[in-house]
Protein backbone atom coordinates (compact mmCIF):
# COMPACT_ATOMS: atom_id res chain seq x y z
CA MET A 1 0.20 -0.03 -0.02
CA LYS A 2 2.96 2.43 0.82
CA GLY A 3 4.36 1.81 -2.58
CA HIS A 4 0.87 3.03 -4.22
CA GLY A 5 0.89 6.17 -2.05
CA LEU A 6 -1.37 4.89 0.55
CA ASP A 7 -0.94 5.27 4.46
CA ALA A 8 -2.64 2.79 6.74
CA CYS A 9 -3.59 2.66 10.44
CA GLY A 10 -5.23 0.05 12.23
CA THR A 11 -5.38 -2.56 15.17
CA VAL A 12 -3.24 -5.83 14.77
CA HIS A 13 -3.54 -9.34 16.46
CA ALA A 14 -0.88 -10.41 19.02
CA ASN A 15 0.01 -13.27 16.99
CA ARG A 16 0.83 -11.21 13.97
CA LYS A 17 4.04 -11.91 12.23
CA GLY A 18 6.66 -9.35 12.86
CA LEU A 19 5.72 -7.67 15.82
CA PRO A 20 8.19 -6.58 18.50
CA LYS A 21 9.37 -9.74 20.81
CA ASP A 22 9.88 -7.46 23.79
CA LYS A 23 7.63 -8.39 26.69
CA MET A 24 6.98 -5.05 27.44
CA LEU A 25 5.20 -4.72 24.29
CA THR A 26 3.29 -7.70 24.46
CA LYS A 27 -0.31 -8.56 26.06
CA GLN A 28 1.35 -9.78 28.66
CA ALA A 29 2.90 -6.15 29.66
CA ALA A 30 1.79 -4.77 33.22
CA LEU A 31 0.66 -1.60 31.94
CA ASP A 32 -1.59 0.81 33.97
CA LYS A 33 -5.05 1.69 32.48
CA HIS A 34 -4.85 4.06 29.73
CA LYS A 35 -0.83 4.08 29.87
CA PHE A 36 0.61 3.04 26.36
CA ARG A 37 4.33 2.06 25.11
CA VAL A 38 5.63 2.81 21.83
CA ALA A 39 8.14 1.07 19.30
CA GLN A 40 9.17 1.92 15.76
CA LYS A 41 11.13 0.52 12.91
CA ASN A 42 11.45 2.68 9.90
CA ASP A 43 8.34 4.67 8.93
CA LEU A 44 6.10 1.74 10.83
CA THR A 45 5.05 2.62 14.21
CA PHE A 46 3.70 -0.02 16.76
CA TRP A 47 1.53 1.14 20.07
CA VAL A 48 0.18 -0.91 23.13
CA TRP A 49 -2.57 0.80 25.03
CA GLN A 50 -4.03 -0.55 27.98
CA ASP A 51 -7.85 -0.03 28.01
CA THR A 52 -10.28 -2.48 29.19
CA LYS A 53 -8.43 -4.94 27.30
CA VAL A 54 -4.99 -4.48 25.65
CA VAL A 55 -5.25 -2.78 22.43
CA MET A 56 -2.30 -3.05 19.80
CA VAL A 57 -1.90 -0.63 16.67
CA LEU A 58 -0.07 -0.26 13.72
CA SER A 59 0.45 2.84 11.59
CA ASN A 60 2.83 4.22 8.99
CA TYR A 61 1.12 7.47 8.94
CA HIS A 62 1.26 9.20 12.52
CA ASP A 63 4.15 10.82 14.27
CA PRO A 64 4.74 8.35 17.59
CA THR A 65 5.00 11.57 19.41
CA GLU A 66 1.66 13.03 18.77
CA LYS A 67 -1.16 12.68 20.90
CA GLY A 68 -4.88 12.90 21.06
CA SER A 69 -7.87 12.31 23.22
CA VAL A 70 -10.81 9.97 23.40
CA ARG A 71 -13.72 9.92 25.62
CA ARG A 72 -14.29 6.92 28.35
CA ARG A 73 -16.94 6.38 30.51
CA ARG A 74 -16.20 6.46 34.33
CA GLN A 75 -18.05 4.88 37.26
CA GLY A 76 -21.39 6.57 37.62
CA GLY A 77 -21.91 7.12 34.00
CA THR A 78 -20.02 10.41 33.48
CA GLN A 79 -17.56 10.73 30.56
CA THR A 80 -14.02 12.05 30.64
CA ALA A 81 -11.23 12.84 28.32
CA VAL A 82 -8.19 10.38 27.91
CA VAL A 83 -4.51 11.40 26.25
CA VAL A 84 -3.91 8.67 24.01
CA PRO A 85 -1.60 8.11 20.79
CA ALA A 86 -2.94 10.27 17.98
CA CYS A 87 -3.21 6.95 15.95
CA LEU A 88 -5.79 5.84 18.69
CA SER A 89 -8.00 8.98 18.49
CA ASP A 90 -8.06 8.80 14.60
CA TYR A 91 -8.57 5.14 14.49
CA GLN A 92 -11.55 5.74 16.90
CA LYS A 93 -12.82 8.83 15.01
CA TYR A 94 -12.89 6.99 11.46
CA MET A 95 -13.46 3.42 11.93
CA LYS A 96 -16.68 2.19 10.53
CA ASP A 97 -18.89 -1.03 9.71
CA VAL A 98 -16.63 -3.85 10.17
CA ASP A 99 -14.64 -2.67 13.02
CA LEU A 100 -17.44 -1.35 14.85
CA LEU A 101 -19.10 -4.93 14.22
CA ASP A 102 -15.96 -6.65 15.47
CA GLN A 103 -15.70 -4.36 18.62
CA MET A 104 -19.30 -4.75 19.70
CA ILE A 105 -19.31 -8.65 19.27
CA GLY A 106 -15.84 -8.68 21.24
CA TYR A 107 -17.63 -7.04 24.09
CA TYR A 108 -20.38 -9.75 24.24
CA GLN A 109 -19.07 -12.72 22.65
CA PHE A 110 -20.10 -16.11 24.06
CA GLN A 111 -17.47 -18.22 22.24
CA HIS A 112 -17.01 -21.87 23.81
CA ARG A 113 -14.27 -24.43 23.27
CA SER A 114 -15.51 -26.91 20.85
CA LYS A 115 -14.34 -29.92 18.75
CA LYS A 116 -16.97 -29.08 16.05
CA TRP A 117 -15.54 -26.27 14.08
CA TRP A 118 -18.99 -25.14 12.85
CA ARG A 119 -20.29 -24.04 16.29
CA ARG A 120 -17.86 -21.33 16.21
CA LEU A 121 -18.94 -19.98 13.05
CA PHE A 122 -22.63 -20.52 14.26
CA PHE A 123 -22.08 -18.02 17.02
CA PHE A 124 -20.23 -15.38 15.32
CA PHE A 125 -23.09 -15.38 12.67
CA LEU A 126 -25.68 -15.25 15.64
CA ALA A 127 -23.73 -12.11 17.30
CA ALA A 128 -23.42 -10.63 14.03
CA GLY A 129 -26.95 -10.95 13.24
CA CYS A 130 -27.88 -9.60 16.88
CA TYR A 131 -25.71 -6.27 16.23
CA ASN A 132 -27.04 -5.75 12.57
CA ALA A 133 -30.72 -6.11 13.79
CA TYR A 134 -29.82 -3.62 16.45
CA VAL A 135 -28.26 -1.08 13.81
CA ALA A 136 -31.61 -1.73 11.76
CA ALA A 137 -34.11 -1.13 14.77
CA ARG A 138 -32.04 2.06 15.56
CA CYS A 139 -32.13 3.41 12.02
CA ALA A 140 -35.78 2.48 11.67
CA GLY A 141 -36.88 3.91 14.96
CA GLY A 142 -35.13 7.12 14.78
CA ASN A 143 -36.01 9.23 17.85
CA THR A 144 -38.58 6.48 18.99
CA PHE A 145 -35.93 3.99 19.34
CA LYS A 146 -35.90 3.46 23.34
CA TYR A 147 -32.29 1.92 23.49
CA LYS A 148 -30.48 5.10 23.42
CA SER A 149 -28.26 3.95 26.11
CA GLY A 150 -26.60 1.17 23.97
CA TYR A 151 -26.37 -2.22 22.61
CA LYS A 152 -26.20 -4.14 25.89
CA ASP A 153 -29.67 -3.11 27.05
CA TRP A 154 -31.00 -4.15 23.59
CA LEU A 155 -29.32 -7.68 23.84
CA GLU A 156 -30.42 -8.08 26.93
CA ASP A 157 -34.14 -7.61 26.16
CA LEU A 158 -33.39 -9.66 22.98
CA ALA A 159 -32.32 -12.71 25.02
CA GLN A 160 -35.03 -12.38 27.35
CA GLU A 161 -37.20 -12.61 24.73
CA LEU A 162 -36.05 -15.41 23.14
CA VAL A 163 -35.85 -17.66 26.23
CA THR A 164 -39.37 -16.60 27.03
CA PRO A 165 -42.12 -19.48 26.91
CA VAL A 166 -44.60 -18.37 24.03
CA THR A 167 -48.26 -19.80 23.68
CA ALA A 168 -48.90 -20.30 20.05
CA ARG A 169 -52.01 -19.36 19.09
CA SER A 170 -54.27 -22.43 18.04
CA ALA A 171 -56.04 -22.72 14.80
CA PRO A 172 -59.84 -22.47 15.00
CA GLN A 173 -61.32 -26.04 15.59
CA CYS A 174 -63.12 -27.36 12.57
CA SER A 175 -65.51 -30.31 12.50
CA SER A 176 -64.89 -33.26 10.71
CA GLY A 177 -68.03 -33.43 9.12
CA PRO A 178 -69.34 -31.15 6.34
CA VAL A 179 -71.36 -28.22 8.18
CA GLY A 180 -74.45 -26.46 6.34
CA ALA A 181 -73.98 -22.87 4.89
CA THR A 182 -77.60 -21.90 5.85
CA SER A 183 -80.72 -23.08 7.34
CA GLU A 184 -82.37 -23.99 3.88
CA HIS A 185 -79.34 -25.98 2.50
CA ASP A 186 -77.20 -28.82 4.60
CA CYS A 187 -74.21 -30.70 3.10
CA GLU A 188 -74.41 -34.17 4.39
CA LYS A 189 -73.79 -37.58 3.20
CA ILE A 190 -76.93 -38.53 1.66
CA PHE A 191 -75.82 -41.21 -0.96
CA GLU A 192 -74.90 -44.89 -1.01
CA LYS A 193 -73.07 -44.62 -4.12
CA ARG A 194 -70.95 -41.99 -5.23
CA LYS A 195 -72.31 -39.26 -7.82
CA VAL A 196 -70.92 -36.60 -10.04
CA CYS A 197 -70.71 -33.48 -8.25
CA ARG A 198 -73.17 -31.09 -9.67
CA GLU A 199 -70.69 -27.96 -9.80
CA CYS A 200 -67.86 -29.70 -11.00
CA ALA A 201 -70.09 -31.05 -13.77
CA LEU A 202 -70.93 -27.27 -14.45
CA SER A 203 -67.62 -25.93 -14.39
CA ARG A 204 -66.07 -28.58 -16.46
CA SER A 205 -68.86 -28.56 -19.23
CA GLY A 206 -67.12 -28.76 -22.73
CA THR A 207 -63.83 -30.04 -21.26
CA ASP A 208 -62.49 -33.26 -21.35
CA VAL A 209 -61.56 -33.20 -17.91
CA CYS A 210 -64.02 -35.46 -15.92
CA ALA A 211 -65.97 -34.41 -13.03
CA ARG A 212 -65.27 -36.25 -9.73
CA ALA A 213 -67.89 -38.03 -7.90
CA THR A 214 -69.05 -37.82 -3.89
CA VAL A 215 -71.43 -39.32 -1.60
CA TYR A 216 -72.20 -35.72 -0.43
CA GLY A 217 -74.74 -33.61 -1.34
CA CYS A 218 -77.43 -30.91 -0.55
CA ARG A 219 -80.51 -32.92 1.10
CA GLN A 220 -82.86 -30.17 -0.01
CA CYS A 221 -82.00 -29.98 -3.49
CA ASN A 222 -81.19 -33.90 -3.80
CA GLU A 223 -77.91 -33.05 -5.59
CA ALA A 224 -74.19 -34.46 -5.41
CA LEU A 225 -71.98 -31.77 -4.24
CA HIS A 226 -68.29 -31.91 -2.65
CA VAL A 227 -67.77 -30.42 0.64
CA GLU A 228 -65.74 -27.61 -0.95
CA CYS A 229 -68.17 -26.89 -3.70
CA PHE A 230 -71.10 -26.67 -1.36
CA GLY A 231 -70.27 -22.74 -1.16
CA LYS A 232 -70.90 -22.27 -4.84
CA HIS A 233 -73.88 -24.25 -4.97
CA VAL A 234 -75.45 -22.16 -1.97
CA ARG A 235 -74.39 -18.86 -3.50
CA ARG A 236 -76.07 -20.18 -7.00
CA HIS A 237 -79.40 -20.63 -5.56
CA HIS A 238 -79.21 -17.65 -3.29
CA LYS A 239 -78.57 -14.91 -6.20
């Protein structure tokens, strides 16, 4: 990227090849909160910063002596400015999308050791889906979105809803036998032998399709009718 005139700044994993081997520049370095250490090689600068967790940053753009500030929440909910390397303040200011997703998933990840590789992928996609749903709900809700305090409250309510038993609404019960549509016409089993349905015969008139037979019919009209054709028959007689 540098050869094409592009500078870069971003976080890096502790096991990345080529990082300093000095123990004072690893995750095991005993740093006080919000303190940092710096190492430089040519135009590439490496920072280790102690936040809630250890954060490692590489940049070929920033001056290692330059400072910036970020906002951090203190006990009681108040926020305060914290002095950090300029690379960290710029990274936090301009990071978007994938970086924010990884950050939020990292706060509330629930990975468990498993011999099945697909479980790790499943839990990652589940966490990504939860955060994407939060972003979509926040954008759709606008000023009416009630989880303005952050993702944590939304995630807790979502988890509570997922484990809450839900009583499924049962479908309306239907009687096993045919039911009359009106008091004047009743669809019942009135024939011993199957006869061609009157409505099917009318609808298939002039075609090569044979009408199906049935033992049900309208007792008042003494005509063979399928149960599903009975409504047509009633409407025809009540025009």
